[in-house]
C-alpha atoms as a PDB file:
ATOM      1  CA  MET A   1     -22.650  -7.261  -5.421  1.00  0.00           C
ATOM      2  CA  SER A   2     -20.599  -9.666  -3.332  1.00  0.00           C
ATOM      3  CA  VAL A   3     -17.767 -11.727  -4.773  1.00  0.00           C
ATOM      4  CA  LEU A   4     -18.216 -14.244  -1.962  1.00  0.00           C
ATOM      5  CA  SER A   5     -20.330 -17.377  -1.841  1.00  0.00           C
ATOM      6  CA  PRO A   6     -23.474 -17.216   0.317  1.00  0.00           C
ATOM      7  CA  GLU A   7     -21.421 -18.827   3.121  1.00  0.00           C
ATOM      8  CA  GLY A   8     -18.840 -16.018   2.951  1.00  0.00           C
ATOM      9  CA  ALA A   9     -16.177 -18.142   1.242  1.00  0.00           C
ATOM     10  CA  ILE A  10     -13.925 -17.594  -1.757  1.00  0.00           C
ATOM     11  CA  GLY A  11     -11.438 -19.839  -3.519  1.00  0.00           C
ATOM     12  CA  VAL A  12      -7.738 -19.001  -3.655  1.00  0.00           C
ATOM     13  CA  TYR A  13      -7.795 -18.371  -7.417  1.00  0.00           C
ATOM     14  CA  ASP A  14     -10.776 -15.999  -7.165  1.00  0.00           C
ATOM     15  CA  LEU A  15      -9.231 -14.291  -4.140  1.00  0.00           C
ATOM     16  CA  LYS A  16      -6.080 -13.585  -6.116  1.00  0.00           C
ATOM     17  CA  ASN A  17      -8.104 -12.054  -8.939  1.00  0.00           C
ATOM     18  CA  ARG A  18     -10.543 -10.111  -6.736  1.00  0.00           C
ATOM     19  CA  LEU A  19      -8.472  -9.197  -3.701  1.00  0.00           C
ATOM     20  CA  SER A  20      -9.473  -5.520  -3.659  1.00  0.00           C
ATOM     21  CA  ALA A  21     -13.183  -6.347  -3.731  1.00  0.00           C
ATOM     22  CA  VAL A  22     -12.762  -8.971  -0.988  1.00  0.00           C
ATOM     23  CA  LEU A  23     -10.858  -6.517   1.208  1.00  0.00           C
ATOM     24  CA  GLU A  24     -13.652  -3.959   0.770  1.00  0.00           C
ATOM     25  CA  GLU A  25     -16.089  -6.568   2.111  1.00  0.00           C
ATOM     26  CA  VAL A  26     -13.759  -7.284   5.039  1.00  0.00           C
ATOM     27  CA  LEU A  27     -13.586  -3.542   5.775  1.00  0.00           C
ATOM     28  CA  SER A  28     -17.367  -3.523   5.977  1.00  0.00           C
ATOM     29  CA  GLY A  29     -17.203  -6.186   8.706  1.00  0.00           C
ATOM     30  CA  THR A  30     -17.549  -9.439   6.758  1.00  0.00           C
ATOM     31  CA  GLU A  31     -15.392 -12.395   7.771  1.00  0.00           C
ATOM     32  CA  VAL A  32     -14.144 -14.318   4.718  1.00  0.00           C
ATOM     33  CA  THR A  33     -13.160 -17.974   4.548  1.00  0.00           C
ATOM     34  CA  VAL A  34     -10.542 -18.810   1.922  1.00  0.00           C
ATOM     35  CA  THR A  35     -10.844 -22.259   0.370  1.00  0.00           C
ATOM     36  CA  ARG A  36      -8.668 -24.502  -1.767  1.00  0.00           C
ATOM     37  CA  HIS A  37     -10.498 -27.216  -3.687  1.00  0.00           C
ATOM     38  CA  GLY A  38     -13.562 -26.474  -1.549  1.00  0.00           C
ATOM     39  CA  ARG A  39     -11.761 -26.983   1.777  1.00  0.00           C
ATOM     40  CA  PRO A  40     -11.282 -24.048   4.189  1.00  0.00           C
ATOM     41  CA  ILE A  41      -7.619 -23.084   4.604  1.00  0.00           C
ATOM     42  CA  ALA A  42      -7.671 -19.542   6.008  1.00  0.00           C
ATOM     43  CA  ARG A  43      -9.866 -16.829   7.419  1.00  0.00           C
ATOM     44  CA  ILE A  44      -9.676 -13.093   6.752  1.00  0.00           C
ATOM     45  CA  SER A  45     -11.379 -10.932   9.341  1.00  0.00           C
ATOM     46  CA  PRO A  46     -11.517  -7.229  10.100  1.00  0.00           C
ATOM     47  CA  VAL A  47      -9.028  -5.871  12.610  1.00  0.00           C
ATOM     48  CA  THR A  48     -10.671  -4.420  15.674  1.00  0.00           C
ATOM     49  CA  ALA A  49      -9.098  -1.763  17.843  1.00  0.00           C
ATOM     50  CA  PRO A  50      -8.517  -2.807  21.445  1.00  0.00           C
ATOM     51  CA  ARG A  51     -10.957  -1.358  23.926  1.00  0.00           C
ATOM     52  CA  PRO A  52      -9.486   0.919  26.604  1.00  0.00           C
ATOM     53  CA  GLU A  53     -10.652  -1.437  29.361  1.00  0.00           C
ATOM     54  CA  ASP A  54      -8.910  -4.389  27.643  1.00  0.00           C
ATOM     55  CA  ARG A  55      -5.705  -2.382  27.426  1.00  0.00           C
ATOM     56  CA  ALA A  56      -5.951  -1.397  31.109  1.00  0.00           C
ATOM     57  CA  ALA A  57      -6.528  -5.040  32.120  1.00  0.00           C
ATOM     58  CA  ALA A  58      -3.471  -6.146  30.126  1.00  0.00           C
ATOM     59  CA  ILE A  59      -1.301  -3.512  31.801  1.00  0.00           C
ATOM     60  CA  ALA A  60      -2.562  -4.542  35.234  1.00  0.00           C
ATOM     61  CA  ALA A  61      -1.770  -8.200  34.451  1.00  0.00           C
ATOM     62  CA  ILE A  62       1.771  -7.281  33.416  1.00  0.00           C
ATOM     63  CA  HIS A  63       2.284  -5.350  36.661  1.00  0.00           C
ATOM     64  CA  ALA A  64       0.904  -8.258  38.708  1.00  0.00           C
ATOM     65  CA  LEU A  65       3.259 -10.659  36.947  1.00  0.00           C
ATOM     66  CA  GLY A  66       6.194  -8.364  37.662  1.00  0.00           C
ATOM     67  CA  ASP A  67       5.266  -8.349  41.353  1.00  0.00           C
ATOM     68  CA  ARG A  68       5.281 -12.179  41.438  1.00  0.00           C
ATOM     69  CA  VAL A  69       8.519 -12.729  39.545  1.00  0.00           C
ATOM     70  CA  ARG A  70      11.697 -12.849  41.602  1.00  0.00           C
ATOM     71  CA  ARG A  71      14.801 -10.980  40.582  1.00  0.00           C
ATOM     72  CA  GLY A  72      16.747 -14.199  40.289  1.00  0.00           C
ATOM     73  CA  PRO A  73      19.581 -15.832  42.204  1.00  0.00           C
ATOM     74  CA  THR A  74      21.303 -12.494  42.814  1.00  0.00           C
ATOM     75  CA  GLU A  75      20.323  -9.109  44.110  1.00  0.00           C
ATOM     76  CA  LYS A  76      22.654  -7.392  41.642  1.00  0.00           C
ATOM     77  CA  SER A  77      21.178  -5.093  39.051  1.00  0.00           C
ATOM     78  CA  ALA A  78      21.337  -5.898  35.356  1.00  0.00           C
ATOM     79  CA  ARG A  79      23.948  -3.151  34.909  1.00  0.00           C
ATOM     80  CA  GLU A  80      26.162  -4.693  37.617  1.00  0.00           C
ATOM     81  CA  LEU A  81      25.902  -8.136  35.998  1.00  0.00           C
ATOM     82  CA  ILE A  82      26.788  -6.716  32.573  1.00  0.00           C
ATOM     83  CA  ASP A  83      29.787  -4.853  33.959  1.00  0.00           C
ATOM     84  CA  GLU A  84      30.914  -7.954  35.840  1.00  0.00           C
ATOM     85  CA  GLY A  85      30.661 -10.027  32.669  1.00  0.00           C
ATOM     86  CA  ARG A  86      32.798  -7.560  30.747  1.00  0.00           C
ATOM     87  CA  ARG A  87      35.565  -7.761  33.337  1.00  0.00           C
ATOM     88  CA  SER A  88      35.855 -11.542  33.152  1.00  0.00           C
END
């Protein structure tokens, strides 16, 4: 038996009192809308694991960004800049 309305919503007060039951529904894949005085204020949804292809695309994008970004106004390494800053 669901603690949610037919639209998949629950009020803040009921959520506080039935959190464990609501989280069980979320674990089963249901997205829950939290309401206050009948107005939606938040959404609780199941966490999905990233797909391997999404992870690979993100890594490729980071590498591409690194290739486009310049080192800056100097060719010194970060270590050289840190050491130089300590001497001054």
